[in-house]
Amino acid sequence: MDTWTKSSYSNNSGGECVEVRVAAARAWIDVRDSRTPDLGHLSFGTAEWRAFLAEADRL
């Protein structure tokens, strides 16, 4: 799946937009700023991503 998806938590008024995609046979999660997609993205392994989501869910 190489399709970028905007976070449901992103602000629809033109700011704070984060996009994610599942890449490389579901081994990596890519994250980028949708306002500046040409500047690249960050990649996280699935274990790192799950740990991030678990911690974010606690906030």
N, C-alpha and C. Protein backbone atom coordinates (compact mmCIF):
# COMPACT_ATOMS: atom_id res chain seq x y z
N MET A 1 0.85 -1.18 0.00
CA MET A 1 0.00 0.00 0.00
C MET A 1 0.89 1.23 0.00
N ASP A 2 0.89 1.97 -1.07
CA ASP A 2 1.71 3.17 -1.16
C ASP A 2 0.88 4.44 -1.17
N THR A 3 -0.34 4.38 -0.68
CA THR A 3 -1.23 5.53 -0.66
C THR A 3 -1.09 6.27 0.65
N TRP A 4 -0.89 7.57 0.56
CA TRP A 4 -0.82 8.41 1.76
C TRP A 4 -2.24 8.68 2.25
N THR A 5 -2.42 8.63 3.57
CA THR A 5 -3.72 8.88 4.20
C THR A 5 -3.56 9.95 5.25
N LYS A 6 -4.42 10.97 5.18
CA LYS A 6 -4.35 12.05 6.17
C LYS A 6 -4.93 11.57 7.49
N SER A 7 -4.26 11.92 8.57
CA SER A 7 -4.72 11.54 9.90
C SER A 7 -6.10 12.10 10.18
N SER A 8 -6.94 11.31 10.81
CA SER A 8 -8.28 11.78 11.18
C SER A 8 -8.21 12.85 12.26
N TYR A 9 -7.07 12.99 12.92
CA TYR A 9 -6.88 14.01 13.94
C TYR A 9 -6.36 15.32 13.36
N SER A 10 -6.02 15.33 12.08
CA SER A 10 -5.49 16.55 11.46
C SER A 10 -6.56 17.60 11.34
N ASN A 11 -6.14 18.83 11.47
CA ASN A 11 -7.02 19.99 11.38
C ASN A 11 -7.37 20.21 9.91
N ASN A 12 -8.64 20.30 9.57
CA ASN A 12 -9.07 20.49 8.19
C ASN A 12 -9.05 21.95 7.74
N SER A 13 -8.61 22.86 8.60
CA SER A 13 -8.62 24.28 8.23
C SER A 13 -7.29 24.72 7.62
N GLY A 14 -6.48 23.79 7.16
CA GLY A 14 -5.26 24.16 6.45
C GLY A 14 -3.98 24.05 7.25
N GLY A 15 -4.02 23.52 8.42
CA GLY A 15 -2.80 23.40 9.21
C GLY A 15 -2.71 22.10 9.95
N GLU A 16 -1.54 21.81 10.45
CA GLU A 16 -1.30 20.64 11.30
C GLU A 16 -1.75 19.34 10.64
N CYS A 17 -1.39 19.13 9.39
CA CYS A 17 -1.82 17.94 8.67
C CYS A 17 -0.69 16.92 8.60
N VAL A 18 -0.98 15.74 9.08
CA VAL A 18 -0.03 14.64 9.06
C VAL A 18 -0.60 13.54 8.19
N GLU A 19 0.26 12.95 7.35
CA GLU A 19 -0.16 11.84 6.51
C GLU A 19 0.70 10.63 6.83
N VAL A 20 0.12 9.45 6.70
CA VAL A 20 0.85 8.21 6.94
C VAL A 20 0.58 7.24 5.78
N ARG A 21 1.51 6.30 5.62
CA ARG A 21 1.29 5.21 4.67
C ARG A 21 2.04 3.98 5.18
N VAL A 22 1.50 2.83 4.84
CA VAL A 22 2.15 1.57 5.13
C VAL A 22 2.98 1.22 3.90
N ALA A 23 4.25 0.96 4.10
CA ALA A 23 5.15 0.74 2.97
C ALA A 23 5.92 -0.57 3.11
N ALA A 24 6.54 -0.98 2.04
CA ALA A 24 7.44 -2.13 1.99
C ALA A 24 6.87 -3.37 2.66
N ALA A 25 5.83 -3.88 2.08
CA ALA A 25 5.19 -5.12 2.56
C ALA A 25 4.83 -5.04 4.04
N ARG A 26 4.33 -3.88 4.45
CA ARG A 26 3.85 -3.65 5.81
C ARG A 26 4.95 -3.69 6.86
N ALA A 27 6.19 -3.53 6.45
CA ALA A 27 7.31 -3.55 7.39
C ALA A 27 7.64 -2.15 7.92
N TRP A 28 7.18 -1.13 7.25
CA TRP A 28 7.48 0.25 7.64
C TRP A 28 6.24 1.12 7.58
N ILE A 29 6.21 2.11 8.46
CA ILE A 29 5.18 3.14 8.44
C ILE A 29 5.89 4.45 8.12
N ASP A 30 5.45 5.15 7.10
CA ASP A 30 6.02 6.45 6.73
C ASP A 30 5.09 7.55 7.21
N VAL A 31 5.68 8.65 7.66
CA VAL A 31 4.93 9.80 8.17
C VAL A 31 5.49 11.06 7.52
N ARG A 32 4.61 11.96 7.07
CA ARG A 32 5.07 13.21 6.48
C ARG A 32 4.09 14.34 6.79
N ASP A 33 4.56 15.55 6.58
CA ASP A 33 3.73 16.75 6.70
C ASP A 33 3.06 16.95 5.36
N SER A 34 1.73 16.94 5.33
CA SER A 34 1.02 17.05 4.06
C SER A 34 1.18 18.41 3.40
N ARG A 35 1.56 19.43 4.16
CA ARG A 35 1.75 20.76 3.57
C ARG A 35 3.07 20.85 2.82
N THR A 36 4.04 19.99 3.17
CA THR A 36 5.35 20.03 2.51
C THR A 36 5.81 18.60 2.17
N PRO A 37 5.04 17.88 1.36
CA PRO A 37 5.37 16.48 1.08
C PRO A 37 6.70 16.30 0.34
N ASP A 38 7.15 17.31 -0.38
CA ASP A 38 8.41 17.19 -1.12
C ASP A 38 9.64 17.23 -0.22
N LEU A 39 9.45 17.57 1.04
CA LEU A 39 10.59 17.62 1.97
C LEU A 39 10.93 16.25 2.56
N GLY A 40 10.18 15.23 2.19
CA GLY A 40 10.50 13.89 2.64
C GLY A 40 9.57 13.39 3.74
N HIS A 41 9.97 12.28 4.33
CA HIS A 41 9.15 11.65 5.37
C HIS A 41 10.04 10.93 6.37
N LEU A 42 9.48 10.55 7.48
CA LEU A 42 10.14 9.72 8.47
C LEU A 42 9.60 8.31 8.35
N SER A 43 10.45 7.31 8.55
CA SER A 43 10.02 5.92 8.48
C SER A 43 10.24 5.24 9.83
N PHE A 44 9.27 4.45 10.22
CA PHE A 44 9.31 3.74 11.49
C PHE A 44 9.01 2.27 11.25
N GLY A 45 9.72 1.40 11.95
CA GLY A 45 9.39 -0.02 11.92
C GLY A 45 8.06 -0.24 12.62
N THR A 46 7.42 -1.36 12.34
CA THR A 46 6.10 -1.59 12.92
C THR A 46 6.13 -1.65 14.44
N ALA A 47 7.18 -2.19 15.04
CA ALA A 47 7.27 -2.24 16.51
C ALA A 47 7.39 -0.83 17.08
N GLU A 48 8.19 0.02 16.44
CA GLU A 48 8.31 1.41 16.88
C GLU A 48 6.99 2.14 16.76
N TRP A 49 6.30 1.92 15.65
CA TRP A 49 5.02 2.60 15.41
C TRP A 49 3.98 2.18 16.44
N ARG A 50 3.92 0.88 16.73
CA ARG A 50 2.97 0.40 17.74
C ARG A 50 3.28 0.99 19.12
N ALA A 51 4.56 1.09 19.46
CA ALA A 51 4.95 1.70 20.74
C ALA A 51 4.55 3.17 20.78
N PHE A 52 4.74 3.89 19.68
CA PHE A 52 4.34 5.29 19.60
C PHE A 52 2.84 5.44 19.79
N LEU A 53 2.05 4.62 19.08
CA LEU A 53 0.60 4.71 19.20
C LEU A 53 0.12 4.37 20.60
N ALA A 54 0.75 3.39 21.23
CA ALA A 54 0.36 3.01 22.60
C ALA A 54 0.63 4.16 23.56
N GLU A 55 1.75 4.83 23.40
CA GLU A 55 2.09 5.95 24.27
C GLU A 55 1.17 7.14 23.99
N ALA A 56 0.91 7.41 22.71
CA ALA A 56 0.03 8.53 22.36
C ALA A 56 -1.38 8.30 22.89
N ASP A 57 -1.82 7.06 22.92
CA ASP A 57 -3.14 6.72 23.41
C ASP A 57 -3.26 6.98 24.91
N ARG A 58 -2.14 6.95 25.62
CA ARG A 58 -2.13 7.19 27.06
C ARG A 58 -2.27 8.67 27.40
N LEU A 59 -1.99 9.55 26.43
CA LEU A 59 -2.03 11.00 26.71
C LEU A 59 -3.42 11.55 26.73
